[in-house]
Amino acid sequence: MTDEQKLAVISLVDGICDVIKTANNGFPEGALYAYLMDKLTLTQFQALVAAMVQSGKISKSGNLLFAR
């Protein structure tokens, strides 16, 4: 992965966190995927969400995502 690609991923993660923060009661995972489906496959999206949960950037309860 190039430095440019790394910066793009960091920017994407930060943007996703910003979007999730707009919903005080959790952001629906399906709605977030709908915004990103022209950029990521479902498998890529699921892997990204899983990595963000594992890293502690977000939490997940059912289909709702919460930013920390």
C-alpha atoms as a PDB file:
ATOM      1  CA  MET A   1       0.000   0.000   0.000  1.00  0.00           C
ATOM      2  CA  THR A   2       1.408   3.362  -0.990  1.00  0.00           C
ATOM      3  CA  ASP A   3       1.498   6.396   1.288  1.00  0.00           C
ATOM      4  CA  GLU A   4      -1.215   7.971  -0.875  1.00  0.00           C
ATOM      5  CA  GLN A   5      -3.452   4.935  -0.418  1.00  0.00           C
ATOM      6  CA  LYS A   6      -2.847   4.973   3.339  1.00  0.00           C
ATOM      7  CA  LEU A   7      -3.870   8.627   3.511  1.00  0.00           C
ATOM      8  CA  ALA A   8      -6.996   7.852   1.485  1.00  0.00           C
ATOM      9  CA  VAL A   9      -8.000   5.100   3.936  1.00  0.00           C
ATOM     10  CA  ILE A  10      -7.396   7.392   6.921  1.00  0.00           C
ATOM     11  CA  SER A  11      -9.481  10.084   5.261  1.00  0.00           C
ATOM     12  CA  LEU A  12     -12.259   7.572   4.541  1.00  0.00           C
ATOM     13  CA  VAL A  13     -12.284   6.328   8.150  1.00  0.00           C
ATOM     14  CA  ASP A  14     -12.371   9.884   9.507  1.00  0.00           C
ATOM     15  CA  GLY A  15     -15.225  10.756   7.139  1.00  0.00           C
ATOM     16  CA  ILE A  16     -17.194   7.682   8.156  1.00  0.00           C
ATOM     17  CA  CYS A  17     -16.757   8.584  11.831  1.00  0.00           C
ATOM     18  CA  ASP A  18     -17.980  12.109  11.123  1.00  0.00           C
ATOM     19  CA  VAL A  19     -21.091  10.771   9.391  1.00  0.00           C
ATOM     20  CA  ILE A  20     -21.821   8.303  12.187  1.00  0.00           C
ATOM     21  CA  LYS A  21     -21.490  11.087  14.779  1.00  0.00           C
ATOM     22  CA  THR A  22     -24.397  12.957  13.166  1.00  0.00           C
ATOM     23  CA  ALA A  23     -26.807  10.326  14.520  1.00  0.00           C
ATOM     24  CA  ASN A  24     -27.112  10.494  18.287  1.00  0.00           C
ATOM     25  CA  ASN A  25     -29.050   7.234  18.409  1.00  0.00           C
ATOM     26  CA  GLY A  26     -26.764   5.305  16.080  1.00  0.00           C
ATOM     27  CA  PHE A  27     -26.322   5.342  12.333  1.00  0.00           C
ATOM     28  CA  PRO A  28     -27.854   2.427  10.383  1.00  0.00           C
ATOM     29  CA  GLU A  29     -25.131   0.313   8.823  1.00  0.00           C
ATOM     30  CA  GLY A  30     -27.211  -0.277   5.685  1.00  0.00           C
ATOM     31  CA  ALA A  31     -27.660   3.451   5.118  1.00  0.00           C
ATOM     32  CA  LEU A  32     -23.911   3.982   5.420  1.00  0.00           C
ATOM     33  CA  TYR A  33     -23.273   1.221   2.888  1.00  0.00           C
ATOM     34  CA  ALA A  34     -25.807   2.824   0.536  1.00  0.00           C
ATOM     35  CA  TYR A  35     -23.687   5.988   0.585  1.00  0.00           C
ATOM     36  CA  LEU A  36     -20.506   4.039  -0.148  1.00  0.00           C
ATOM     37  CA  MET A  37     -21.678   1.254  -2.450  1.00  0.00           C
ATOM     38  CA  ASP A  38     -20.363   2.994  -5.564  1.00  0.00           C
ATOM     39  CA  LYS A  39     -16.880   3.044  -3.961  1.00  0.00           C
ATOM     40  CA  LEU A  40     -16.716  -0.244  -2.025  1.00  0.00           C
ATOM     41  CA  THR A  41     -18.013  -3.746  -2.513  1.00  0.00           C
ATOM     42  CA  LEU A  42     -20.137  -5.171   0.296  1.00  0.00           C
ATOM     43  CA  THR A  43     -17.237  -7.390   1.344  1.00  0.00           C
ATOM     44  CA  GLN A  44     -14.861  -4.403   1.472  1.00  0.00           C
ATOM     45  CA  PHE A  45     -17.408  -2.386   3.444  1.00  0.00           C
ATOM     46  CA  GLN A  46     -17.941  -5.194   5.953  1.00  0.00           C
ATOM     47  CA  ALA A  47     -14.183  -5.603   6.383  1.00  0.00           C
ATOM     48  CA  LEU A  48     -13.767  -1.853   6.902  1.00  0.00           C
ATOM     49  CA  VAL A  49     -16.542  -1.731   9.520  1.00  0.00           C
ATOM     50  CA  ALA A  50     -15.080  -4.776  11.290  1.00  0.00           C
ATOM     51  CA  ALA A  51     -11.630  -3.172  11.361  1.00  0.00           C
ATOM     52  CA  MET A  52     -13.070   0.095  12.674  1.00  0.00           C
ATOM     53  CA  VAL A  53     -14.920  -1.783  15.438  1.00  0.00           C
ATOM     54  CA  GLN A  54     -11.831  -3.807  16.319  1.00  0.00           C
ATOM     55  CA  SER A  55      -9.679  -0.666  16.469  1.00  0.00           C
ATOM     56  CA  GLY A  56     -12.175   1.063  18.749  1.00  0.00           C
ATOM     57  CA  LYS A  57     -13.018   3.864  16.306  1.00  0.00           C
ATOM     58  CA  ILE A  58     -16.681   2.820  16.278  1.00  0.00           C
ATOM     59  CA  SER A  59     -18.948   0.411  18.103  1.00  0.00           C
ATOM     60  CA  LYS A  60     -21.820  -1.632  16.750  1.00  0.00           C
ATOM     61  CA  SER A  61     -25.113  -2.700  18.294  1.00  0.00           C
ATOM     62  CA  GLY A  62     -27.267  -4.751  15.960  1.00  0.00           C
ATOM     63  CA  ASN A  63     -27.307  -2.794  12.717  1.00  0.00           C
ATOM     64  CA  LEU A  64     -26.496   0.563  14.363  1.00  0.00           C
ATOM     65  CA  LEU A  65     -23.040   2.121  14.343  1.00  0.00           C
ATOM     66  CA  PHE A  66     -21.787   4.552  16.986  1.00  0.00           C
ATOM     67  CA  ALA A  67     -18.664   6.731  16.759  1.00  0.00           C
ATOM     68  CA  ARG A  68     -16.496   7.173  19.815  1.00  0.00           C
END
